[in-house]
PDB file of N, CA and C in Angstrom:
ATOM      1  N   MET A   1       0.836  -1.180   0.000  1.00  0.00           N
ATOM      2  CA  MET A   1       0.000   0.000   0.000  1.00  0.00           C
ATOM      3  C   MET A   1       0.878   1.239   0.000  1.00  0.00           C
ATOM      4  N   SER A   2       0.532   2.215  -0.778  1.00  0.00           N
ATOM      5  CA  SER A   2       1.315   3.440  -0.909  1.00  0.00           C
ATOM      6  C   SER A   2       0.779   4.514   0.026  1.00  0.00           C
ATOM      7  N   THR A   3       1.704   5.326   0.549  1.00  0.00           N
ATOM      8  CA  THR A   3       1.299   6.439   1.394  1.00  0.00           C
ATOM      9  C   THR A   3       1.080   7.676   0.541  1.00  0.00           C
ATOM     10  N   GLU A   4       0.638   8.747   1.176  1.00  0.00           N
ATOM     11  CA  GLU A   4       0.359   9.980   0.438  1.00  0.00           C
ATOM     12  C   GLU A   4       1.570  10.503  -0.312  1.00  0.00           C
ATOM     13  N   ASN A   5       2.757  10.393   0.277  1.00  0.00           N
ATOM     14  CA  ASN A   5       3.948  10.945  -0.360  1.00  0.00           C
ATOM     15  C   ASN A   5       4.590   9.983  -1.354  1.00  0.00           C
ATOM     16  N   GLY A   6       3.976   8.844  -1.591  1.00  0.00           N
ATOM     17  CA  GLY A   6       4.465   7.919  -2.595  1.00  0.00           C
ATOM     18  C   GLY A   6       5.379   6.842  -2.041  1.00  0.00           C
ATOM     19  N   ALA A   7       5.763   6.910  -0.777  1.00  0.00           N
ATOM     20  CA  ALA A   7       6.633   5.894  -0.204  1.00  0.00           C
ATOM     21  C   ALA A   7       5.816   4.647   0.087  1.00  0.00           C
ATOM     22  N   SER A   8       6.234   3.510  -0.436  1.00  0.00           N
ATOM     23  CA  SER A   8       5.485   2.283  -0.229  1.00  0.00           C
ATOM     24  C   SER A   8       6.167   1.352   0.756  1.00  0.00           C
ATOM     25  N   ASN A   9       7.407   1.641   1.156  1.00  0.00           N
ATOM     26  CA  ASN A   9       8.132   0.752   2.042  1.00  0.00           C
ATOM     27  C   ASN A   9       8.148   1.232   3.485  1.00  0.00           C
ATOM     28  N   GLY A  10       7.367   2.235   3.820  1.00  0.00           N
ATOM     29  CA  GLY A  10       7.294   2.721   5.179  1.00  0.00           C
ATOM     30  C   GLY A  10       8.388   3.702   5.550  1.00  0.00           C
ATOM     31  N   GLN A  11       9.342   3.924   4.669  1.00  0.00           N
ATOM     32  CA  GLN A  11      10.418   4.866   4.928  1.00  0.00           C
ATOM     33  C   GLN A  11      10.066   6.226   4.354  1.00  0.00           C
ATOM     34  N   GLU A  12      10.565   7.268   5.010  1.00  0.00           N
ATOM     35  CA  GLU A  12      10.366   8.618   4.502  1.00  0.00           C
ATOM     36  C   GLU A  12      11.236   8.823   3.264  1.00  0.00           C
ATOM     37  N   PRO A  13      10.731   9.522   2.260  1.00  0.00           N
ATOM     38  CA  PRO A  13      11.562   9.821   1.097  1.00  0.00           C
ATOM     39  C   PRO A  13      12.665  10.795   1.496  1.00  0.00           C
ATOM     40  N   PRO A  14      13.786  10.777   0.780  1.00  0.00           N
ATOM     41  CA  PRO A  14      14.863  11.706   1.118  1.00  0.00           C
ATOM     42  C   PRO A  14      14.404  13.146   0.905  1.00  0.00           C
ATOM     43  N   PRO A  15      14.975  14.090   1.665  1.00  0.00           N
ATOM     44  CA  PRO A  15      14.588  15.488   1.470  1.00  0.00           C
ATOM     45  C   PRO A  15      15.028  15.979   0.093  1.00  0.00           C
ATOM     46  N   LEU A  16      14.247  16.895  -0.461  1.00  0.00           N
ATOM     47  CA  LEU A  16      14.591  17.436  -1.778  1.00  0.00           C
ATOM     48  C   LEU A  16      15.802  18.348  -1.670  1.00  0.00           C
ATOM     49  N   PRO A  17      16.762  18.206  -2.583  1.00  0.00           N
ATOM     50  CA  PRO A  17      17.898  19.122  -2.603  1.00  0.00           C
ATOM     51  C   PRO A  17      17.462  20.482  -3.133  1.00  0.00           C
ATOM     52  N   ALA A  18      18.310  21.479  -2.973  1.00  0.00           N
ATOM     53  CA  ALA A  18      18.044  22.807  -3.525  1.00  0.00           C
ATOM     54  C   ALA A  18      18.096  22.734  -5.054  1.00  0.00           C
ATOM     55  N   LEU A  19      17.280  23.561  -5.713  1.00  0.00           N
ATOM     56  CA  LEU A  19      17.333  23.626  -7.171  1.00  0.00           C
ATOM     57  C   LEU A  19      18.744  23.994  -7.607  1.00  0.00           C
ATOM     58  N   GLY A  20      19.250  23.272  -8.595  1.00  0.00           N
ATOM     59  CA  GLY A  20      20.591  23.536  -9.108  1.00  0.00           C
ATOM     60  C   GLY A  20      21.697  22.802  -8.378  1.00  0.00           C
ATOM     61  N   ALA A  21      21.360  22.103  -7.279  1.00  0.00           N
ATOM     62  CA  ALA A  21      22.381  21.345  -6.546  1.00  0.00           C
ATOM     63  C   ALA A  21      22.940  20.249  -7.444  1.00  0.00           C
ATOM     64  N   LEU A  22      24.243  20.033  -7.372  1.00  0.00           N
ATOM     65  CA  LEU A  22      24.864  18.984  -8.171  1.00  0.00           C
ATOM     66  C   LEU A  22      24.702  17.653  -7.458  1.00  0.00           C
ATOM     67  N   MET A  23      24.118  16.699  -8.183  1.00  0.00           N
ATOM     68  CA  MET A  23      23.804  15.394  -7.626  1.00  0.00           C
ATOM     69  C   MET A  23      24.442  14.313  -8.494  1.00  0.00           C
ATOM     70  N   MET A  24      24.854  13.225  -7.859  1.00  0.00           N
ATOM     71  CA  MET A  24      25.419  12.079  -8.563  1.00  0.00           C
ATOM     72  C   MET A  24      24.330  11.042  -8.766  1.00  0.00           C
ATOM     73  N   ASP A  25      24.051  10.742 -10.019  1.00  0.00           N
ATOM     74  CA  ASP A  25      23.081   9.704 -10.375  1.00  0.00           C
ATOM     75  C   ASP A  25      23.840   8.385 -10.433  1.00  0.00           C
ATOM     76  N   LEU A  26      23.672   7.552  -9.427  1.00  0.00           N
ATOM     77  CA  LEU A  26      24.406   6.297  -9.334  1.00  0.00           C
ATOM     78  C   LEU A  26      23.965   5.285 -10.388  1.00  0.00           C
ATOM     79  N   SER A  27      22.717   5.371 -10.844  1.00  0.00           N
ATOM     80  CA  SER A  27      22.228   4.412 -11.835  1.00  0.00           C
ATOM     81  C   SER A  27      22.793   4.689 -13.227  1.00  0.00           C
ATOM     82  N   HIS A  28      23.165   5.944 -13.511  1.00  0.00           N
ATOM     83  CA  HIS A  28      23.734   6.298 -14.817  1.00  0.00           C
ATOM     84  C   HIS A  28      25.186   6.742 -14.708  1.00  0.00           C
ATOM     85  N   ASP A  29      25.721   6.772 -13.490  1.00  0.00           N
ATOM     86  CA  ASP A  29      27.102   7.171 -13.228  1.00  0.00           C
ATOM     87  C   ASP A  29      27.426   8.529 -13.865  1.00  0.00           C
ATOM     88  N   ARG A  30      26.564   9.520 -13.565  1.00  0.00           N
ATOM     89  CA  ARG A  30      26.788  10.869 -14.089  1.00  0.00           C
ATOM     90  C   ARG A  30      26.266  11.912 -13.126  1.00  0.00           C
ATOM     91  N   VAL A  31      26.825  13.101 -13.246  1.00  0.00           N
ATOM     92  CA  VAL A  31      26.454  14.221 -12.388  1.00  0.00           C
ATOM     93  C   VAL A  31      25.448  15.089 -13.120  1.00  0.00           C
ATOM     94  N   GLY A  32      24.443  15.558 -12.406  1.00  0.00           N
ATOM     95  CA  GLY A  32      23.454  16.457 -12.991  1.00  0.00           C
ATOM     96  C   GLY A  32      22.989  17.480 -11.977  1.00  0.00           C
ATOM     97  N   GLU A  33      22.412  18.552 -12.490  1.00  0.00           N
ATOM     98  CA  GLU A  33      21.807  19.581 -11.644  1.00  0.00           C
ATOM     99  C   GLU A  33      20.398  19.133 -11.275  1.00  0.00           C
ATOM    100  N   PHE A  34      20.049  19.241 -10.003  1.00  0.00           N
ATOM    101  CA  PHE A  34      18.695  18.902  -9.573  1.00  0.00           C
ATOM    102  C   PHE A  34      17.730  19.951 -10.113  1.00  0.00           C
ATOM    103  N   ARG A  35      16.648  19.500 -10.764  1.00  0.00           N
ATOM    104  CA  ARG A  35      15.672  20.406 -11.372  1.00  0.00           C
ATOM    105  C   ARG A  35      14.299  20.319 -10.721  1.00  0.00           C
ATOM    106  N   GLY A  36      14.030  19.257  -9.961  1.00  0.00           N
ATOM    107  CA  GLY A  36      12.736  19.150  -9.306  1.00  0.00           C
ATOM    108  C   GLY A  36      12.300  17.708  -9.151  1.00  0.00           C
ATOM    109  N   GLU A  37      11.093  17.550  -8.594  1.00  0.00           N
ATOM    110  CA  GLU A  37      10.533  16.234  -8.336  1.00  0.00           C
ATOM    111  C   GLU A  37       9.152  16.161  -8.967  1.00  0.00           C
ATOM    112  N   TRP A  38       8.829  15.010  -9.548  1.00  0.00           N
ATOM    113  CA  TRP A  38       7.515  14.806 -10.136  1.00  0.00           C
ATOM    114  C   TRP A  38       7.180  13.333 -10.044  1.00  0.00           C
ATOM    115  N   CYS A  39       6.054  13.031  -9.451  1.00  0.00           N
ATOM    116  CA  CYS A  39       5.555  11.654  -9.318  1.00  0.00           C
ATOM    117  C   CYS A  39       6.588  10.725  -8.673  1.00  0.00           C
ATOM    118  N   GLY A  40       7.301  11.222  -7.679  1.00  0.00           N
ATOM    119  CA  GLY A  40       8.264  10.399  -6.970  1.00  0.00           C
ATOM    120  C   GLY A  40       9.610  10.244  -7.636  1.00  0.00           C
ATOM    121  N   GLN A  41       9.782  10.802  -8.804  1.00  0.00           N
ATOM    122  CA  GLN A  41      11.065  10.755  -9.514  1.00  0.00           C
ATOM    123  C   GLN A  41      11.729  12.129  -9.460  1.00  0.00           C
ATOM    124  N   TRP A  42      13.055  12.144  -9.416  1.00  0.00           N
ATOM    125  CA  TRP A  42      13.793  13.406  -9.437  1.00  0.00           C
ATOM    126  C   TRP A  42      14.281  13.679 -10.845  1.00  0.00           C
ATOM    127  N   SER A  43      14.225  14.940 -11.231  1.00  0.00           N
ATOM    128  CA  SER A  43      14.681  15.377 -12.541  1.00  0.00           C
ATOM    129  C   SER A  43      16.074  15.974 -12.408  1.00  0.00           C
ATOM    130  N   LEU A  44      16.991  15.498 -13.223  1.00  0.00           N
ATOM    131  CA  LEU A  44      18.347  16.041 -13.288  1.00  0.00           C
ATOM    132  C   LEU A  44      18.627  16.438 -14.728  1.00  0.00           C
ATOM    133  N   ARG A  45      19.557  17.367 -14.904  1.00  0.00           N
ATOM    134  CA  ARG A  45      19.976  17.705 -16.262  1.00  0.00           C
ATOM    135  C   ARG A  45      21.483  17.912 -16.263  1.00  0.00           C
ATOM    136  N   PRO A  46      22.109  17.751 -17.412  1.00  0.00           N
ATOM    137  CA  PRO A  46      23.554  17.941 -17.480  1.00  0.00           C
ATOM    138  C   PRO A  46      23.936  19.358 -17.052  1.00  0.00           C
ATOM    139  N   LEU A  47      25.108  19.477 -16.499  1.00  0.00           N
ATOM    140  CA  LEU A  47      25.611  20.779 -16.099  1.00  0.00           C
ATOM    141  C   LEU A  47      25.684  21.686 -17.319  1.00  0.00           C
ATOM    142  N   GLY A  48      25.106  22.854 -17.227  1.00  0.00           N
ATOM    143  CA  GLY A  48      25.132  23.796 -18.342  1.00  0.00           C
ATOM    144  C   GLY A  48      23.989  23.626 -19.316  1.00  0.00           C
ATOM    145  N   GLY A  49      23.048  22.753 -19.033  1.00  0.00           N
ATOM    146  CA  GLY A  49      21.891  22.585 -19.913  1.00  0.00           C
ATOM    147  C   GLY A  49      21.913  21.273 -20.665  1.00  0.00           C
ATOM    148  N   GLY A  50      20.842  21.007 -21.308  1.00  0.00           N
ATOM    149  CA  GLY A  50      20.705  19.761 -22.058  1.00  0.00           C
ATOM    150  C   GLY A  50      19.414  19.059 -21.692  1.00  0.00           C
ATOM    151  N   VAL A  51      19.276  17.857 -22.157  1.00  0.00           N
ATOM    152  CA  VAL A  51      18.061  17.071 -21.946  1.00  0.00           C
ATOM    153  C   VAL A  51      18.032  16.523 -20.523  1.00  0.00           C
ATOM    154  N   GLU A  52      16.939  16.786 -19.829  1.00  0.00           N
ATOM    155  CA  GLU A  52      16.763  16.279 -18.473  1.00  0.00           C
ATOM    156  C   GLU A  52      16.481  14.789 -18.509  1.00  0.00           C
ATOM    157  N   TRP A  53      16.808  14.132 -17.403  1.00  0.00           N
ATOM    158  CA  TRP A  53      16.441  12.731 -17.229  1.00  0.00           C
ATOM    159  C   TRP A  53      15.883  12.554 -15.826  1.00  0.00           C
ATOM    160  N   THR A  54      15.158  11.474 -15.618  1.00  0.00           N
ATOM    161  CA  THR A  54      14.569  11.216 -14.306  1.00  0.00           C
ATOM    162  C   THR A  54      15.264  10.023 -13.673  1.00  0.00           C
ATOM    163  N   VAL A  55      15.259  10.046 -12.362  1.00  0.00           N
ATOM    164  CA  VAL A  55      15.910   8.983 -11.606  1.00  0.00           C
ATOM    165  C   VAL A  55      15.194   8.833 -10.269  1.00  0.00           C
ATOM    166  N   ALA A  56      15.201   7.634  -9.736  1.00  0.00           N
ATOM    167  CA  ALA A  56      14.612   7.390  -8.422  1.00  0.00           C
ATOM    168  C   ALA A  56      15.483   8.052  -7.353  1.00  0.00           C
ATOM    169  N   PRO A  57      14.874   8.695  -6.366  1.00  0.00           N
ATOM    170  CA  PRO A  57      15.648   9.391  -5.333  1.00  0.00           C
ATOM    171  C   PRO A  57      16.653   8.497  -4.613  1.00  0.00           C
ATOM    172  N   GLU A  58      16.361   7.215  -4.466  1.00  0.00           N
ATOM    173  CA  GLU A  58      17.303   6.328  -3.780  1.00  0.00           C
ATOM    174  C   GLU A  58      18.566   6.055  -4.587  1.00  0.00           C
ATOM    175  N   ASP A  59      18.564   6.415  -5.884  1.00  0.00           N
ATOM    176  CA  ASP A  59      19.739   6.241  -6.742  1.00  0.00           C
ATOM    177  C   ASP A  59      20.543   7.521  -6.892  1.00  0.00           C
ATOM    178  N   VAL A  60      20.270   8.510  -6.040  1.00  0.00           N
ATOM    179  CA  VAL A  60      20.935   9.811  -6.157  1.00  0.00           C
ATOM    180  C   VAL A  60      21.547  10.187  -4.812  1.00  0.00           C
ATOM    181  N   ARG A  61      22.714  10.810  -4.873  1.00  0.00           N
ATOM    182  CA  ARG A  61      23.333  11.374  -3.673  1.00  0.00           C
ATOM    183  C   ARG A  61      24.052  12.655  -4.079  1.00  0.00           C
ATOM    184  N   PRO A  62      24.359  13.516  -3.127  1.00  0.00           N
ATOM    185  CA  PRO A  62      25.101  14.737  -3.481  1.00  0.00           C
ATOM    186  C   PRO A  62      26.450  14.381  -4.103  1.00  0.00           C
ATOM    187  N   ALA A  63      26.833  15.133  -5.110  1.00  0.00           N
ATOM    188  CA  ALA A  63      28.126  14.918  -5.757  1.00  0.00           C
ATOM    189  C   ALA A  63      29.239  15.282  -4.783  1.00  0.00           C
ATOM    190  N   ASP A  64      30.280  14.451  -4.746  1.00  0.00           N
ATOM    191  CA  ASP A  64      31.408  14.782  -3.884  1.00  0.00           C
ATOM    192  C   ASP A  64      32.301  15.809  -4.601  1.00  0.00           C
ATOM    193  N   PRO A  65      33.263  16.409  -3.913  1.00  0.00           N
ATOM    194  CA  PRO A  65      34.062  17.495  -4.518  1.00  0.00           C
ATOM    195  C   PRO A  65      34.742  17.126  -5.836  1.00  0.00           C
ATOM    196  N   ILE A  66      35.285  15.933  -5.966  1.00  0.00           N
ATOM    197  CA  ILE A  66      35.962  15.566  -7.217  1.00  0.00           C
ATOM    198  C   ILE A  66      34.964  15.408  -8.357  1.00  0.00           C
ATOM    199  N   GLN A  67      33.776  14.878  -8.063  1.00  0.00           N
ATOM    200  CA  GLN A  67      32.748  14.747  -9.104  1.00  0.00           C
ATOM    201  C   GLN A  67      32.259  16.123  -9.544  1.00  0.00           C
ATOM    202  N   ARG A  68      32.126  17.044  -8.599  1.00  0.00           N
ATOM    203  CA  ARG A  68      31.729  18.418  -8.932  1.00  0.00           C
ATOM    204  C   ARG A  68      32.776  19.060  -9.831  1.00  0.00           C
ATOM    205  N   LEU A  69      34.042  18.901  -9.467  1.00  0.00           N
ATOM    206  CA  LEU A  69      35.133  19.489 -10.245  1.00  0.00           C
ATOM    207  C   LEU A  69      35.169  18.931 -11.658  1.00  0.00           C
ATOM    208  N   ARG A  70      35.027  17.610 -11.790  1.00  0.00           N
ATOM    209  CA  ARG A  70      35.030  16.990 -13.122  1.00  0.00           C
ATOM    210  C   ARG A  70      33.878  17.506 -13.976  1.00  0.00           C
ATOM    211  N   ALA A  71      32.681  17.607 -13.398  1.00  0.00           N
ATOM    212  CA  ALA A  71      31.514  18.084 -14.144  1.00  0.00           C
ATOM    213  C   ALA A  71      31.698  19.543 -14.562  1.00  0.00           C
ATOM    214  N   GLU A  72      32.215  20.367 -13.661  1.00  0.00           N
ATOM    215  CA  GLU A  72      32.416  21.783 -13.988  1.00  0.00           C
ATOM    216  C   GLU A  72      33.523  21.958 -15.022  1.00  0.00           C
ATOM    217  N   LEU A  73      34.570  21.136 -14.957  1.00  0.00           N
ATOM    218  CA  LEU A  73      35.641  21.191 -15.953  1.00  0.00           C
ATOM    219  C   LEU A  73      35.126  20.754 -17.327  1.00  0.00           C
ATOM    220  N   ALA A  74      34.315  19.709 -17.373  1.00  0.00           N
ATOM    221  CA  ALA A  74      33.740  19.261 -18.642  1.00  0.00           C
ATOM    222  C   ALA A  74      32.876  20.362 -19.252  1.00  0.00           C
ATOM    223  N   ARG A  75      32.112  21.058 -18.409  1.00  0.00           N
ATOM    224  CA  ARG A  75      31.289  22.170 -18.901  1.00  0.00           C
ATOM    225  C   ARG A  75      32.166  23.283 -19.449  1.00  0.00           C
ATOM    226  N   ALA A  76      33.234  23.629 -18.750  1.00  0.00           N
ATOM    227  CA  ALA A  76      34.146  24.680 -19.220  1.00  0.00           C
ATOM    228  C   ALA A  76      34.794  24.280 -20.543  1.00  0.00           C
ATOM    229  N   ASN A  77      35.162  23.022 -20.688  1.00  0.00           N
ATOM    230  CA  ASN A  77      35.760  22.558 -21.949  1.00  0.00           C
ATOM    231  C   ASN A  77      34.755  22.641 -23.092  1.00  0.00           C
ATOM    232  N   ARG A  78      33.495  22.237 -22.851  1.00  0.00           N
ATOM    233  CA  ARG A  78      32.471  22.351 -23.904  1.00  0.00           C
ATOM    234  C   ARG A  78      32.270  23.804 -24.299  1.00  0.00           C
ATOM    235  N   ARG A  79      32.281  24.682 -23.312  1.00  0.00           N
ATOM    236  CA  ARG A  79      32.087  26.093 -23.605  1.00  0.00           C
ATOM    237  C   ARG A  79      33.259  26.653 -24.408  1.00  0.00           C
ATOM    238  N   SER A  80      34.485  26.258 -24.092  1.00  0.00           N
ATOM    239  CA  SER A  80      35.652  26.763 -24.823  1.00  0.00           C
ATOM    240  C   SER A  80      35.671  26.256 -26.269  1.00  0.00           C
ATOM    241  N   ARG A  81      35.040  25.102 -26.513  1.00  0.00           N
ATOM    242  CA  ARG A  81      34.950  24.573 -27.880  1.00  0.00           C
ATOM    243  C   ARG A  81      33.776  25.163 -28.642  1.00  0.00           C
ATOM    244  N   GLY A  82      32.989  25.998 -27.978  1.00  0.00           N
ATOM    245  CA  GLY A  82      31.843  26.623 -28.629  1.00  0.00           C
ATOM    246  C   GLY A  82      30.586  25.783 -28.618  1.00  0.00           C
ATOM    247  N   GLU A  83      30.571  24.711 -27.846  1.00  0.00           N
ATOM    248  CA  GLU A  83      29.407  23.839 -27.786  1.00  0.00           C
ATOM    249  C   GLU A  83      28.332  24.415 -26.871  1.00  0.00           C
ATOM    250  N   LEU A  84      28.711  25.305 -25.948  1.00  0.00           N
ATOM    251  CA  LEU A  84      27.781  25.962 -25.046  1.00  0.00           C
ATOM    252  C   LEU A  84      27.983  27.463 -25.154  1.00  0.00           C
ATOM    253  N   LEU A  85      26.915  28.221 -24.989  1.00  0.00           N
ATOM    254  CA  LEU A  85      27.047  29.676 -24.983  1.00  0.00           C
ATOM    255  C   LEU A  85      27.147  30.190 -23.567  1.00  0.00           C
TER     256      LEU A  85
END
């Protein structure tokens, strides 16, 4: 049986991160910006824009410092190549 907040296992869902927080999607092994929650799924998008994807909250954790640095460096490299404005 499901509860009002969508949790079916009796556990509270994780708290929502701040919009734009960098999160590590463990199921896809990639970092994305948190964009929001819909129907129990979290929306992430690549750093600097792009197509959003959804992931279960239990498969996401805050990006650690090295993951943040790698994602920000990749964004800077794309921008220097003219792929991002």
